[in-house]
C-alpha atoms as a PDB file:
ATOM      1  CA  MET A   1      -2.061  50.184-123.597  1.00  0.00           C
ATOM      2  CA  LEU A   2      -4.516  47.364-124.266  1.00  0.00           C
ATOM      3  CA  LYS A   3      -2.934  44.796-126.600  1.00  0.00           C
ATOM      4  CA  LYS A   4      -5.108  41.683-126.341  1.00  0.00           C
ATOM      5  CA  ILE A   5      -8.633  40.650-125.333  1.00  0.00           C
ATOM      6  CA  ILE A   6      -9.374  37.140-124.093  1.00  0.00           C
ATOM      7  CA  SER A   7     -12.458  35.295-122.889  1.00  0.00           C
ATOM      8  CA  GLY A   8     -13.850  31.801-122.446  1.00  0.00           C
ATOM      9  CA  GLY A   9     -15.718  31.807-125.767  1.00  0.00           C
ATOM     10  CA  GLN A  10     -19.193  31.273-124.298  1.00  0.00           C
ATOM     11  CA  THR A  11     -22.215  32.977-125.873  1.00  0.00           C
ATOM     12  CA  GLY A  12     -23.093  36.422-124.538  1.00  0.00           C
ATOM     13  CA  ALA A  13     -20.414  38.544-122.857  1.00  0.00           C
ATOM     14  CA  ASP A  14     -17.504  36.276-123.833  1.00  0.00           C
ATOM     15  CA  ARG A  15     -18.434  36.225-127.512  1.00  0.00           C
ATOM     16  CA  ALA A  16     -19.034  39.981-127.683  1.00  0.00           C
ATOM     17  CA  ALA A  17     -15.503  40.606-126.412  1.00  0.00           C
ATOM     18  CA  LEU A  18     -13.996  38.349-129.075  1.00  0.00           C
ATOM     19  CA  ASP A  19     -16.091  39.915-131.847  1.00  0.00           C
ATOM     20  CA  VAL A  20     -14.971  43.427-130.887  1.00  0.00           C
ATOM     21  CA  ALA A  21     -11.334  42.302-130.868  1.00  0.00           C
ATOM     22  CA  ILE A  22     -11.693  40.769-134.334  1.00  0.00           C
ATOM     23  CA  LYS A  23     -13.484  43.844-135.665  1.00  0.00           C
ATOM     24  CA  PHE A  24     -10.678  46.154-134.546  1.00  0.00           C
ATOM     25  CA  ASN A  25      -7.786  43.827-135.474  1.00  0.00           C
ATOM     26  CA  ILE A  26      -6.861  43.442-131.806  1.00  0.00           C
ATOM     27  CA  GLU A  27      -5.181  40.188-130.849  1.00  0.00           C
ATOM     28  CA  HIS A  28      -7.641  37.839-129.167  1.00  0.00           C
ATOM     29  CA  GLY A  29      -7.562  34.448-127.491  1.00  0.00           C
ATOM     30  CA  GLY A  30      -8.253  32.621-124.263  1.00  0.00           C
ATOM     31  CA  TRP A  31      -8.994  29.098-123.099  1.00  0.00           C
ATOM     32  CA  ILE A  32     -12.118  27.070-123.847  1.00  0.00           C
ATOM     33  CA  PRO A  33     -13.248  23.645-122.569  1.00  0.00           C
ATOM     34  CA  LYS A  34     -12.342  20.507-124.507  1.00  0.00           C
ATOM     35  CA  GLY A  35     -14.313  20.195-127.737  1.00  0.00           C
ATOM     36  CA  ARG A  36     -14.584  24.016-127.930  1.00  0.00           C
ATOM     37  CA  ARG A  37     -17.700  23.605-125.807  1.00  0.00           C
ATOM     38  CA  THR A  38     -20.331  26.367-125.620  1.00  0.00           C
ATOM     39  CA  GLU A  39     -24.058  26.300-124.928  1.00  0.00           C
ATOM     40  CA  GLU A  40     -24.859  26.495-128.657  1.00  0.00           C
ATOM     41  CA  GLY A  41     -22.308  23.900-129.766  1.00  0.00           C
ATOM     42  CA  PRO A  42     -18.600  24.000-130.699  1.00  0.00           C
ATOM     43  CA  LEU A  43     -17.092  27.477-130.973  1.00  0.00           C
ATOM     44  CA  PRO A  44     -16.445  28.409-134.650  1.00  0.00           C
ATOM     45  CA  SER A  45     -12.843  28.136-135.806  1.00  0.00           C
ATOM     46  CA  LYS A  46     -12.500  31.873-136.544  1.00  0.00           C
ATOM     47  CA  TYR A  47     -12.121  32.400-132.793  1.00  0.00           C
ATOM     48  CA  GLN A  48      -8.496  31.656-131.931  1.00  0.00           C
ATOM     49  CA  LEU A  49      -8.932  30.069-128.510  1.00  0.00           C
ATOM     50  CA  ASP A  50      -6.921  27.196-127.045  1.00  0.00           C
ATOM     51  CA  GLU A  51      -8.658  24.017-125.887  1.00  0.00           C
ATOM     52  CA  MET A  52      -8.261  22.736-122.359  1.00  0.00           C
ATOM     53  CA  ASP A  53      -7.741  19.006-121.833  1.00  0.00           C
ATOM     54  CA  THR A  54     -10.940  18.964-119.775  1.00  0.00           C
ATOM     55  CA  ASN A  55     -14.530  19.987-120.514  1.00  0.00           C
ATOM     56  CA  ASP A  56     -14.836  21.643-117.091  1.00  0.00           C
ATOM     57  CA  TYR A  57     -15.802  25.314-117.504  1.00  0.00           C
ATOM     58  CA  ARG A  58     -14.220  26.187-114.154  1.00  0.00           C
ATOM     59  CA  GLN A  59     -10.718  25.244-115.288  1.00  0.00           C
ATOM     60  CA  ARG A  60     -10.835  27.474-118.357  1.00  0.00           C
ATOM     61  CA  THR A  61     -12.210  30.293-116.197  1.00  0.00           C
ATOM     62  CA  LYS A  62      -9.246  30.039-113.846  1.00  0.00           C
ATOM     63  CA  GLN A  63      -6.690  29.769-116.664  1.00  0.00           C
ATOM     64  CA  ASN A  64      -8.011  32.891-118.401  1.00  0.00           C
ATOM     65  CA  ILE A  65      -7.654  34.831-115.152  1.00  0.00           C
ATOM     66  CA  ILE A  66      -4.082  33.589-114.723  1.00  0.00           C
ATOM     67  CA  ASP A  67      -3.118  34.447-118.319  1.00  0.00           C
ATOM     68  CA  SER A  68      -4.497  38.001-118.196  1.00  0.00           C
ATOM     69  CA  HIS A  69      -3.379  41.161-116.415  1.00  0.00           C
ATOM     70  CA  GLY A  70      -6.904  41.805-115.171  1.00  0.00           C
ATOM     71  CA  THR A  71     -10.523  40.666-115.500  1.00  0.00           C
ATOM     72  CA  VAL A  72     -13.684  42.678-116.059  1.00  0.00           C
ATOM     73  CA  ILE A  73     -17.055  41.097-115.303  1.00  0.00           C
ATOM     74  CA  ILE A  74     -20.054  42.793-116.904  1.00  0.00           C
ATOM     75  CA  SER A  75     -23.493  41.718-115.721  1.00  0.00           C
ATOM     76  CA  ARG A  76     -26.684  42.862-113.979  1.00  0.00           C
ATOM     77  CA  GLY A  77     -27.382  42.586-110.261  1.00  0.00           C
ATOM     78  CA  ASN A  78     -25.763  40.153-107.847  1.00  0.00           C
ATOM     79  CA  LEU A  79     -23.254  37.821-109.469  1.00  0.00           C
ATOM     80  CA  THR A  80     -24.234  34.171-109.785  1.00  0.00           C
ATOM     81  CA  GLY A  81     -22.876  31.005-111.385  1.00  0.00           C
ATOM     82  CA  GLY A  82     -19.798  31.351-113.565  1.00  0.00           C
ATOM     83  CA  SER A  83     -19.572  35.128-113.127  1.00  0.00           C
ATOM     84  CA  LYS A  84     -19.445  34.782-109.341  1.00  0.00           C
ATOM     85  CA  LEU A  85     -16.854  32.025-109.687  1.00  0.00           C
ATOM     86  CA  THR A  86     -14.758  34.284-111.932  1.00  0.00           C
ATOM     87  CA  GLN A  87     -14.698  37.018-109.304  1.00  0.00           C
ATOM     88  CA  SER A  88     -13.770  34.512-106.576  1.00  0.00           C
ATOM     89  CA  PHE A  89     -10.953  32.999-108.652  1.00  0.00           C
ATOM     90  CA  ALA A  90      -9.545  36.455-109.451  1.00  0.00           C
ATOM     91  CA  LYS A  91      -9.382  37.300-105.750  1.00  0.00           C
ATOM     92  CA  VAL A  92      -7.718  33.973-104.893  1.00  0.00           C
ATOM     93  CA  VAL A  93      -5.155  34.330-107.683  1.00  0.00           C
ATOM     94  CA  GLY A  94      -4.530  37.958-106.712  1.00  0.00           C
ATOM     95  CA  LYS A  95      -5.266  39.466-110.122  1.00  0.00           C
ATOM     96  CA  PRO A  96      -7.056  42.833-110.537  1.00  0.00           C
ATOM     97  CA  ASN A  97     -10.774  42.479-111.198  1.00  0.00           C
ATOM     98  CA  CYS A  98     -13.574  44.917-111.893  1.00  0.00           C
ATOM     99  CA  TYR A  99     -17.303  44.215-111.673  1.00  0.00           C
ATOM    100  CA  ILE A 100     -19.602  46.492-113.669  1.00  0.00           C
ATOM    101  CA  ASP A 101     -23.264  46.223-112.680  1.00  0.00           C
ATOM    102  CA  LEU A 102     -25.434  47.419-115.559  1.00  0.00           C
ATOM    103  CA  LEU A 103     -28.416  47.782-113.246  1.00  0.00           C
ATOM    104  CA  ASN A 104     -26.693  50.842-111.794  1.00  0.00           C
ATOM    105  CA  THR A 105     -24.433  51.924-114.659  1.00  0.00           C
ATOM    106  CA  ASP A 106     -25.134  52.888-118.284  1.00  0.00           C
ATOM    107  CA  GLU A 107     -22.872  51.854-121.159  1.00  0.00           C
ATOM    108  CA  PHE A 108     -20.931  55.124-121.355  1.00  0.00           C
ATOM    109  CA  GLU A 109     -20.237  55.253-117.622  1.00  0.00           C
ATOM    110  CA  ALA A 110     -19.254  51.576-117.749  1.00  0.00           C
ATOM    111  CA  SER A 111     -16.718  52.365-120.475  1.00  0.00           C
ATOM    112  CA  ILE A 112     -15.194  55.156-118.377  1.00  0.00           C
ATOM    113  CA  ILE A 113     -14.928  52.814-115.381  1.00  0.00           C
ATOM    114  CA  LEU A 114     -13.299  50.149-117.539  1.00  0.00           C
ATOM    115  CA  LYS A 115     -10.861  52.636-119.063  1.00  0.00           C
ATOM    116  CA  SER A 116      -9.738  53.729-115.585  1.00  0.00           C
ATOM    117  CA  PHE A 117      -9.387  50.090-114.508  1.00  0.00           C
ATOM    118  CA  ILE A 118      -7.161  49.324-117.507  1.00  0.00           C
ATOM    119  CA  LEU A 119      -4.952  52.402-117.161  1.00  0.00           C
ATOM    120  CA  GLU A 120      -4.602  52.237-113.371  1.00  0.00           C
ATOM    121  CA  ASN A 121      -3.574  48.568-113.459  1.00  0.00           C
ATOM    122  CA  GLY A 122      -1.441  48.707-116.608  1.00  0.00           C
ATOM    123  CA  ILE A 123      -3.547  46.027-118.266  1.00  0.00           C
ATOM    124  CA  LYS A 124      -2.326  44.843-121.654  1.00  0.00           C
ATOM    125  CA  ILE A 125      -4.232  41.545-121.710  1.00  0.00           C
ATOM    126  CA  LEU A 126      -7.856  41.976-120.627  1.00  0.00           C
ATOM    127  CA  ASN A 127     -10.032  39.019-119.678  1.00  0.00           C
ATOM    128  CA  VAL A 128     -13.742  39.702-120.273  1.00  0.00           C
ATOM    129  CA  ALA A 129     -16.415  37.678-118.482  1.00  0.00           C
ATOM    130  CA  GLY A 130     -20.148  37.805-117.868  1.00  0.00           C
ATOM    131  CA  PRO A 131     -23.375  35.852-118.354  1.00  0.00           C
ATOM    132  CA  ARG A 132     -24.175  33.677-121.333  1.00  0.00           C
ATOM    133  CA  MET A 133     -26.955  34.578-123.776  1.00  0.00           C
ATOM    134  CA  SER A 134     -29.494  32.139-122.312  1.00  0.00           C
ATOM    135  CA  HIS A 135     -29.148  33.818-118.917  1.00  0.00           C
ATOM    136  CA  ASN A 136     -29.140  37.386-120.252  1.00  0.00           C
ATOM    137  CA  PRO A 137     -30.223  37.807-123.900  1.00  0.00           C
ATOM    138  CA  GLY A 138     -29.171  41.476-124.069  1.00  0.00           C
ATOM    139  CA  ILE A 139     -25.678  41.078-122.638  1.00  0.00           C
ATOM    140  CA  TYR A 140     -23.977  40.524-126.008  1.00  0.00           C
ATOM    141  CA  MET A 141     -24.918  43.956-127.334  1.00  0.00           C
ATOM    142  CA  ASP A 142     -24.284  45.613-123.953  1.00  0.00           C
ATOM    143  CA  VAL A 143     -20.708  44.329-123.799  1.00  0.00           C
ATOM    144  CA  LYS A 144     -20.105  45.096-127.469  1.00  0.00           C
ATOM    145  CA  ILE A 145     -21.183  48.726-127.003  1.00  0.00           C
ATOM    146  CA  ILE A 146     -19.128  49.138-123.819  1.00  0.00           C
ATOM    147  CA  LEU A 147     -15.948  47.785-125.396  1.00  0.00           C
ATOM    148  CA  GLU A 148     -16.328  49.868-128.554  1.00  0.00           C
ATOM    149  CA  ILE A 149     -16.818  53.032-126.488  1.00  0.00           C
ATOM    150  CA  LEU A 150     -13.790  51.977-124.425  1.00  0.00           C
ATOM    151  CA  LEU A 151     -11.637  51.725-127.544  1.00  0.00           C
ATOM    152  CA  TYR A 152     -12.840  55.150-128.651  1.00  0.00           C
ATOM    153  CA  LEU A 153     -11.920  56.638-125.262  1.00  0.00           C
ATOM    154  CA  LEU A 154      -8.486  55.011-125.422  1.00  0.00           C
ATOM    155  CA  PHE A 155      -8.145  56.338-128.979  1.00  0.00           C
ATOM    156  CA  LEU A 156      -8.955  59.880-127.818  1.00  0.00           C
ATOM    157  CA  ASN A 157      -6.452  59.498-125.009  1.00  0.00           C
ATOM    158  CA  LYS A 158      -3.703  58.695-127.521  1.00  0.00           C
ATOM    159  CA  HIS A 159      -4.774  60.636-130.636  1.00  0.00           C
ATOM    160  CA  LYS A 160      -6.201  64.010-129.633  1.00  0.00           C
ATOM    161  CA  ASP A 161      -6.238  65.347-133.185  1.00  0.00           C
ATOM    162  CA  GLN A 162      -8.047  63.728-136.073  1.00  0.00           C
ATOM    163  CA  ILE A 163      -5.118  62.949-138.328  1.00  0.00           C
ATOM    164  CA  PHE A 164      -7.165  62.980-141.532  1.00  0.00           C
ATOM    165  CA  LYS A 165      -9.428  65.918-140.717  1.00  0.00           C
ATOM    166  CA  GLU A 166      -7.884  68.246-143.288  1.00  0.00           C
ATOM    167  CA  TYR A 167      -7.875  65.515-145.950  1.00  0.00           C
ATOM    168  CA  ILE A 168     -11.537  64.454-145.786  1.00  0.00           C
ATOM    169  CA  PRO A 169     -13.943  66.031-148.309  1.00  0.00           C
ATOM    170  CA  SER A 170     -16.433  68.373-146.669  1.00  0.00           C
ATOM    171  CA  ASP A 171     -18.525  69.146-149.759  1.00  0.00           C
ATOM    172  CA  PRO A 172     -22.230  68.210-149.750  1.00  0.00           C
ATOM    173  CA  VAL A 173     -22.732  64.524-150.515  1.00  0.00           C
ATOM    174  CA  LYS A 174     -24.285  63.663-153.860  1.00  0.00           C
ATOM    175  CA  GLU A 175     -26.869  60.919-153.704  1.00  0.00           C
ATOM    176  CA  ASP A 176     -25.012  58.537-156.010  1.00  0.00           C
ATOM    177  CA  PHE A 177     -24.965  55.939-153.280  1.00  0.00           C
ATOM    178  CA  PRO A 178     -23.293  52.577-153.963  1.00  0.00           C
ATOM    179  CA  GLN A 179     -25.311  49.365-153.996  1.00  0.00           C
ATOM    180  CA  THR A 180     -22.438  46.884-153.626  1.00  0.00           C
ATOM    181  CA  LEU A 181     -19.163  46.687-151.715  1.00  0.00           C
ATOM    182  CA  GLU A 182     -17.207  47.048-154.956  1.00  0.00           C
ATOM    183  CA  GLU A 183     -19.109  50.226-155.854  1.00  0.00           C
ATOM    184  CA  ALA A 184     -18.477  51.610-152.355  1.00  0.00           C
ATOM    185  CA  ILE A 185     -14.733  51.015-152.715  1.00  0.00           C
ATOM    186  CA  GLU A 186     -14.632  52.719-156.116  1.00  0.00           C
ATOM    187  CA  LEU A 187     -16.631  55.671-154.793  1.00  0.00           C
ATOM    188  CA  LEU A 188     -14.274  56.171-151.836  1.00  0.00           C
ATOM    189  CA  TYR A 189     -11.260  55.878-154.129  1.00  0.00           C
ATOM    190  CA  ASP A 190     -12.592  58.580-156.445  1.00  0.00           C
ATOM    191  CA  ASP A 191     -13.815  60.791-153.585  1.00  0.00           C
ATOM    192  CA  LEU A 192     -10.772  60.833-151.306  1.00  0.00           C
ATOM    193  CA  PRO A 193      -7.676  62.866-152.221  1.00  0.00           C
ATOM    194  CA  LEU A 194      -4.394  61.155-153.054  1.00  0.00           C
ATOM    195  CA  LYS A 195      -2.778  62.057-149.730  1.00  0.00           C
ATOM    196  CA  THR A 196      -5.583  60.425-147.740  1.00  0.00           C
ATOM    197  CA  ARG A 197      -5.492  57.260-149.863  1.00  0.00           C
ATOM    198  CA  THR A 198      -1.732  57.054-149.407  1.00  0.00           C
ATOM    199  CA  LEU A 199      -2.020  57.450-145.628  1.00  0.00           C
ATOM    200  CA  ILE A 200      -4.694  54.741-145.440  1.00  0.00           C
ATOM    201  CA  ALA A 201      -2.668  52.332-147.579  1.00  0.00           C
ATOM    202  CA  ARG A 202       0.435  52.779-145.408  1.00  0.00           C
ATOM    203  CA  PHE A 203      -1.344  52.585-142.060  1.00  0.00           C
ATOM    204  CA  GLU A 204      -0.562  49.599-139.827  1.00  0.00           C
ATOM    205  CA  ARG A 205      -3.428  47.094-139.804  1.00  0.00           C
ATOM    206  CA  ASN A 206      -3.246  46.791-136.017  1.00  0.00           C
ATOM    207  CA  ASP A 207      -4.088  50.503-135.826  1.00  0.00           C
ATOM    208  CA  ILE A 208      -7.305  50.125-137.827  1.00  0.00           C
ATOM    209  CA  HIS A 209      -9.183  51.713-134.908  1.00  0.00           C
ATOM    210  CA  VAL A 210      -7.447  55.033-135.653  1.00  0.00           C
ATOM    211  CA  LEU A 211      -8.728  54.962-139.237  1.00  0.00           C
ATOM    212  CA  TYR A 212     -12.166  53.801-138.102  1.00  0.00           C
ATOM    213  CA  PHE A 213     -12.797  56.490-135.508  1.00  0.00           C
ATOM    214  CA  THR A 214     -11.430  59.172-137.831  1.00  0.00           C
ATOM    215  CA  LEU A 215     -13.263  58.129-140.999  1.00  0.00           C
ATOM    216  CA  MET A 216     -16.409  56.455-139.632  1.00  0.00           C
ATOM    217  CA  GLU A 217     -18.763  59.434-139.956  1.00  0.00           C
ATOM    218  CA  TYR A 218     -17.428  60.340-143.400  1.00  0.00           C
ATOM    219  CA  ILE A 219     -17.874  56.790-144.762  1.00  0.00           C
ATOM    220  CA  ARG A 220     -21.278  56.421-143.116  1.00  0.00           C
ATOM    221  CA  ARG A 221     -22.465  59.649-144.740  1.00  0.00           C
ATOM    222  CA  ARG A 222     -20.792  59.081-148.107  1.00  0.00           C
ATOM    223  CA  VAL A 223     -22.240  55.616-148.769  1.00  0.00           C
ATOM    224  CA  GLY A 224     -25.711  56.734-147.737  1.00  0.00           C
ATOM    225  CA  PHE A 225     -26.199  54.978-144.418  1.00  0.00           C
ATOM    226  CA  ASP A 226     -27.498  58.225-142.933  1.00  0.00           C
ATOM    227  CA  THR A 227     -30.322  58.042-145.473  1.00  0.00           C
ATOM    228  CA  LYS A 228     -30.858  54.307-144.965  1.00  0.00           C
ATOM    229  CA  ASN A 229     -29.038  52.751-147.912  1.00  0.00           C
ATOM    230  CA  GLN A 230     -30.453  49.324-147.051  1.00  0.00           C
ATOM    231  CA  THR A 231     -29.287  47.672-150.267  1.00  0.00           C
ATOM    232  CA  LEU A 232     -25.601  48.190-149.475  1.00  0.00           C
ATOM    233  CA  PHE A 233     -26.142  47.311-145.812  1.00  0.00           C
ATOM    234  CA  LYS A 234     -27.851  44.009-146.639  1.00  0.00           C
ATOM    235  CA  THR A 235     -25.252  43.119-149.282  1.00  0.00           C
ATOM    236  CA  CYS A 236     -22.389  43.637-146.831  1.00  0.00           C
ATOM    237  CA  ALA A 237     -24.203  41.864-143.980  1.00  0.00           C
ATOM    238  CA  ILE A 238     -24.581  38.778-146.177  1.00  0.00           C
ATOM    239  CA  GLN A 239     -20.870  38.857-147.021  1.00  0.00           C
ATOM    240  CA  MET A 240     -20.014  39.223-143.330  1.00  0.00           C
ATOM    241  CA  LYS A 241     -22.291  36.282-142.419  1.00  0.00           C
ATOM    242  CA  ASP A 242     -23.412  38.178-139.334  1.00  0.00           C
ATOM    243  CA  ASP A 243     -27.128  38.630-138.677  1.00  0.00           C
ATOM    244  CA  ARG A 244     -26.366  40.818-135.640  1.00  0.00           C
ATOM    245  CA  CYS A 245     -24.177  43.359-137.435  1.00  0.00           C
ATOM    246  CA  THR A 246     -24.837  47.074-137.094  1.00  0.00           C
ATOM    247  CA  ILE A 247     -24.226  49.967-139.483  1.00  0.00           C
ATOM    248  CA  GLU A 248     -20.980  50.633-137.593  1.00  0.00           C
ATOM    249  CA  ASP A 249     -19.881  47.024-138.179  1.00  0.00           C
ATOM    250  CA  VAL A 250     -20.569  47.388-141.901  1.00  0.00           C
ATOM    251  CA  VAL A 251     -18.610  50.653-142.005  1.00  0.00           C
ATOM    252  CA  MET A 252     -15.620  48.787-140.544  1.00  0.00           C
ATOM    253  CA  HIS A 253     -16.107  46.012-143.120  1.00  0.00           C
ATOM    254  CA  ILE A 254     -16.048  48.571-145.942  1.00  0.00           C
ATOM    255  CA  LEU A 255     -13.011  50.321-144.448  1.00  0.00           C
ATOM    256  CA  LYS A 256     -11.030  47.080-144.125  1.00  0.00           C
ATOM    257  CA  ARG A 257     -11.808  46.056-147.700  1.00  0.00           C
ATOM    258  CA  PHE A 258     -10.985  49.562-148.943  1.00  0.00           C
ATOM    259  CA  LYS A 259      -7.628  49.446-147.162  1.00  0.00           C
ATOM    260  CA  GLN A 260      -6.873  46.011-148.632  1.00  0.00           C
ATOM    261  CA  TYR A 261      -7.753  47.354-152.074  1.00  0.00           C
ATOM    262  CA  LEU A 262      -5.424  50.328-151.619  1.00  0.00           C
ATOM    263  CA  GLU A 263      -2.580  48.155-150.351  1.00  0.00           C
ATOM    264  CA  LYS A 264      -2.880  45.966-153.434  1.00  0.00           C
ATOM    265  CA  ASN A 265      -3.794  48.431-156.171  1.00  0.00           C
ATOM    266  CA  HIS A 266      -3.012  51.986-155.092  1.00  0.00           C
ATOM    267  CA  LEU A 267       0.594  52.080-156.310  1.00  0.00           C
ATOM    268  CA  ILE A 268      -0.331  50.430-159.610  1.00  0.00           C
ATOM    269  CA  ARG A 269      -3.090  52.966-160.299  1.00  0.00           C
ATOM    270  CA  MET A 270      -0.766  55.850-159.394  1.00  0.00           C
ATOM    271  CA  VAL A 271       1.815  54.646-161.933  1.00  0.00           C
ATOM    272  CA  LYS A 272      -0.814  54.308-164.643  1.00  0.00           C
END
């Protein structure tokens, strides 16, 4: 089972992989050139990558291949530059590698291919590579979508039943939609039954993807994102400091904060 995602920290494909790992509480890492060098400046400190003692991109590319169980390269058309070098290094080192060409493959099919690659090769540490943003402006979102679908497919493979299905309210949603994160947390607390709140509070943080894929549609509907609750979306996006975030990213943000709230306050409120 996939345990860690690594990359070289560059803009584009590399950064998308790290952002998905952070979103789903999956361990992340990798090597980056000296000075945390990327095309848009030093990589922010929230990304837990190790610095090489050289600013040569090729050395970090090789080290990430060595430190992983397999490498996936996601791009369009014939490989060039760093992506081509990544494939060559993987072959020389003798590590499994998979090239997904998005000119011939859509995101869902790409996720199925990647899932098979991971399971067939027993990959626990996955190295993700591909073009930088300046070479392919759309690659960030492509890789993000592919990896999130991948995690959902792996989730289905492991959890065939929705563990909270019988504990999620199915009544029609009242349009008392929250405007702030705090209001959203209070609404979910009041709306969800005690058993569901207890399960969420006790769930391992590293298994946040199980909660997310089970509760995503309920939270999305309950806070009004299906009817374009832009006020809550914008408020959360500002808190997240992410101008590329999607509704699904905000749902995860709400879920994580709700879980933290339950872990801290649920027992106290039960006693009262």
